[in-house]
Protein backbone atom coordinates (compact mmCIF):
# COMPACT_ATOMS: atom_id res chain seq x y z
CA MET A 1 -25.16 52.86 8.72
CA LEU A 2 -28.16 51.34 6.95
CA THR A 3 -31.49 51.11 8.74
CA ILE A 4 -33.47 48.13 7.54
CA PRO A 5 -36.14 47.65 6.38
CA ARG A 6 -36.47 51.42 5.71
CA PHE A 7 -33.46 51.42 3.35
CA ILE A 8 -34.91 48.46 1.44
CA LYS A 9 -38.40 49.98 1.14
CA LYS A 10 -36.95 53.22 -0.33
CA SER A 11 -34.74 51.46 -2.89
CA PRO A 12 -36.14 50.42 -6.29
CA GLU A 13 -33.58 47.61 -6.58
CA PHE A 14 -35.33 45.43 -3.97
CA ALA A 15 -38.53 43.50 -4.64
CA ASP A 16 -40.90 43.54 -1.68
CA ILE A 17 -44.39 42.38 -0.76
CA THR A 18 -46.21 43.79 2.27
CA VAL A 19 -49.44 42.55 3.81
CA ASP A 20 -50.91 42.77 7.33
CA GLY A 21 -47.74 43.86 9.11
CA ILE A 22 -45.35 41.48 7.37
CA THR A 23 -42.91 42.54 4.65
CA PHE A 24 -41.20 39.96 2.43
CA VAL A 25 -38.09 41.13 0.59
CA GLN A 26 -36.01 39.40 -2.04
CA PHE A 27 -32.36 40.50 -2.05
CA GLN A 28 -29.75 39.46 -4.61
CA SER A 29 -26.18 40.64 -5.14
CA ARG A 30 -23.46 39.63 -7.58
CA ARG A 31 -20.80 41.74 -5.89
CA SER A 32 -18.39 39.91 -3.66
CA GLU A 33 -17.87 40.78 -0.04
CA VAL A 34 -20.60 43.39 0.39
CA ARG A 35 -20.23 44.70 3.97
CA HIS A 36 -22.73 46.94 5.78
CA GLU A 37 -23.23 48.26 9.26
CA VAL A 38 -26.94 47.73 9.90
CA CYS A 39 -29.51 48.95 12.42
CA VAL A 40 -32.50 46.60 12.42
CA SER A 41 -35.72 48.56 13.04
CA LYS A 42 -38.12 45.59 12.86
CA HIS A 43 -37.90 41.98 14.02
CA SER A 44 -36.64 39.97 11.06
CA LEU A 45 -36.04 36.49 9.72
CA VAL A 46 -33.31 36.15 7.10
CA PHE A 47 -33.09 33.05 4.90
CA VAL A 48 -29.86 32.55 2.94
CA LEU A 49 -30.75 30.92 -0.38
CA GLU A 50 -27.33 31.25 -2.09
CA GLY A 51 -23.93 32.29 -0.77
CA THR A 52 -22.75 32.88 2.79
CA LYS A 53 -23.66 35.62 5.28
CA TYR A 54 -21.40 36.68 8.14
CA ILE A 55 -23.01 38.46 11.10
CA HIS A 56 -20.88 40.36 13.58
CA SER A 57 -22.64 41.64 16.71
CA SER A 58 -21.85 42.42 20.33
CA ASP A 59 -22.73 38.76 21.02
CA GLY A 60 -20.03 37.45 18.69
CA ASP A 61 -19.81 36.21 15.11
CA MET A 62 -22.16 33.91 13.25
CA VAL A 63 -21.75 32.32 9.81
CA ILE A 64 -24.96 31.52 7.93
CA HIS A 65 -24.63 29.26 4.88
CA LYS A 66 -26.97 28.46 2.00
CA GLY A 67 -30.08 26.73 3.36
CA GLU A 68 -29.78 28.30 6.83
CA ALA A 69 -31.56 31.21 8.50
CA PHE A 70 -31.32 33.56 11.45
CA PHE A 71 -33.62 35.77 13.49
CA CYS A 72 -32.57 39.32 14.35
CA ARG A 73 -34.48 41.26 16.95
CA LYS A 74 -35.61 44.84 16.57
CA GLY A 75 -33.14 47.49 17.69
CA CYS A 76 -29.97 45.48 17.02
CA HIS A 77 -26.83 46.92 15.49
CA ILE A 78 -24.90 44.37 13.46
CA MET A 79 -22.18 44.23 10.84
CA SER A 80 -23.26 42.12 7.89
CA GLU A 81 -21.11 40.65 5.13
CA MET A 82 -22.53 38.84 2.11
CA ILE A 83 -20.30 36.53 0.08
CA PRO A 84 -21.50 35.02 -3.24
CA GLU A 85 -20.38 31.47 -4.02
CA ASN A 86 -17.65 31.21 -6.70
CA GLY A 87 -18.65 34.26 -8.74
CA GLY A 88 -22.36 33.48 -8.48
CA THR A 89 -24.98 35.41 -6.58
CA PHE A 90 -25.80 36.04 -2.96
CA ASP A 91 -29.56 35.54 -2.48
CA THR A 92 -31.69 36.00 0.61
CA GLU A 93 -35.33 36.22 1.46
CA LEU A 94 -36.02 38.56 4.35
CA ILE A 95 -39.21 38.76 6.40
CA PHE A 96 -39.84 41.82 8.58
CA PHE A 97 -42.55 41.88 11.25
CA ASP A 98 -44.38 44.95 12.57
CA ASP A 99 -44.54 45.01 16.38
CA ASN A 100 -48.27 44.16 16.53
CA MET A 101 -47.94 41.27 14.07
CA PHE A 102 -44.93 39.89 15.94
CA ALA A 103 -46.64 40.14 19.35
CA ASP A 104 -49.75 38.44 17.94
CA PHE A 105 -47.62 35.63 16.48
CA ILE A 106 -45.84 35.05 19.82
CA ASP A 107 -49.16 35.10 21.69
CA ARG A 108 -50.50 32.34 19.42
CA LEU A 109 -47.61 29.96 20.06
CA PRO A 110 -48.67 26.97 22.14
CA LEU A 111 -46.24 27.79 24.97
CA ALA A 112 -46.78 28.53 28.62
CA ALA A 113 -45.60 31.97 29.74
CA SER A 114 -42.82 30.30 31.74
CA GLU A 115 -41.46 28.72 28.52
CA VAL A 116 -41.03 32.07 26.74
CA ALA A 117 -37.75 33.78 27.50
CA GLU A 118 -36.46 37.15 26.39
CA PRO A 119 -33.56 36.54 24.03
CA ASP A 120 -30.34 38.03 25.32
CA CYS A 121 -28.68 37.98 21.93
CA ALA A 122 -29.02 40.27 18.93
CA ALA A 123 -29.37 37.39 16.46
CA PHE A 124 -29.69 33.64 16.61
CA ARG A 125 -29.73 30.77 14.14
CA ILE A 126 -33.02 29.17 13.06
CA LYS A 127 -33.32 25.65 11.66
CA ILE A 128 -35.21 25.47 8.35
CA SER A 129 -37.55 22.53 7.91
CA GLU A 130 -38.44 21.07 4.52
CA GLN A 131 -41.89 22.67 4.78
CA VAL A 132 -40.39 26.13 5.37
CA GLY A 133 -38.10 25.64 2.36
CA ILE A 134 -41.11 24.81 0.17
CA TYR A 135 -42.96 27.87 1.49
CA LEU A 136 -39.97 30.14 0.74
CA SER A 137 -39.76 28.82 -2.81
CA SER A 138 -43.44 29.52 -3.34
CA MET A 139 -43.02 33.07 -1.98
CA LEU A 140 -40.15 33.80 -4.39
CA SER A 141 -42.42 33.19 -7.38
CA LEU A 142 -44.82 35.90 -6.10
CA PHE A 143 -42.27 38.73 -6.45
CA GLU A 144 -42.76 38.69 -10.24
CA SER A 145 -46.45 37.77 -10.27
CA PRO A 146 -49.59 39.92 -10.08
CA LEU A 147 -50.64 37.67 -7.17
CA GLY A 148 -47.82 39.28 -5.17
CA GLN A 149 -49.90 42.48 -5.13
CA ASP A 150 -53.23 40.81 -4.32
CA ASP A 151 -53.80 41.36 -0.58
CA GLY A 152 -56.58 38.75 -0.41
CA PHE A 153 -54.37 36.05 -1.90
CA LEU A 154 -51.41 37.11 0.26
CA ARG A 155 -53.50 36.86 3.44
CA LEU A 156 -54.30 33.25 2.52
CA LYS A 157 -50.61 32.60 1.76
CA ILE A 158 -49.23 33.89 5.06
């Protein structure tokens, strides 16, 4: 079983950027039908940029296509399959949140306490707006840029 993001942070094959409790990871695979049992140790957002991702959890199955995303809460155990499109690549951008950063983010949402519910599910789908898509594209360019290591710039970006 893989524990993410620890497995990703230890592997040289994944590009990552970390600043102020948030870790951005770019993942790409050309292999078809990569399947992993995963323990998620930090709250995460996963954006599928190319290919299809299948999530199997105690809550049921979910299929995430190119241009879609899902949130997975800390402590979940899921089975993950990644399928490239027609011999191409499977690409995702993952964002992991430290507990303090995540709690601060939730506290800043303009919601009344009665509107915030504890999610009962391990993972759930997130709709991606055009603005989020533009932001993700701009983050991808930072993985190969010196600006991706500049904490001051990254704080402005996030």
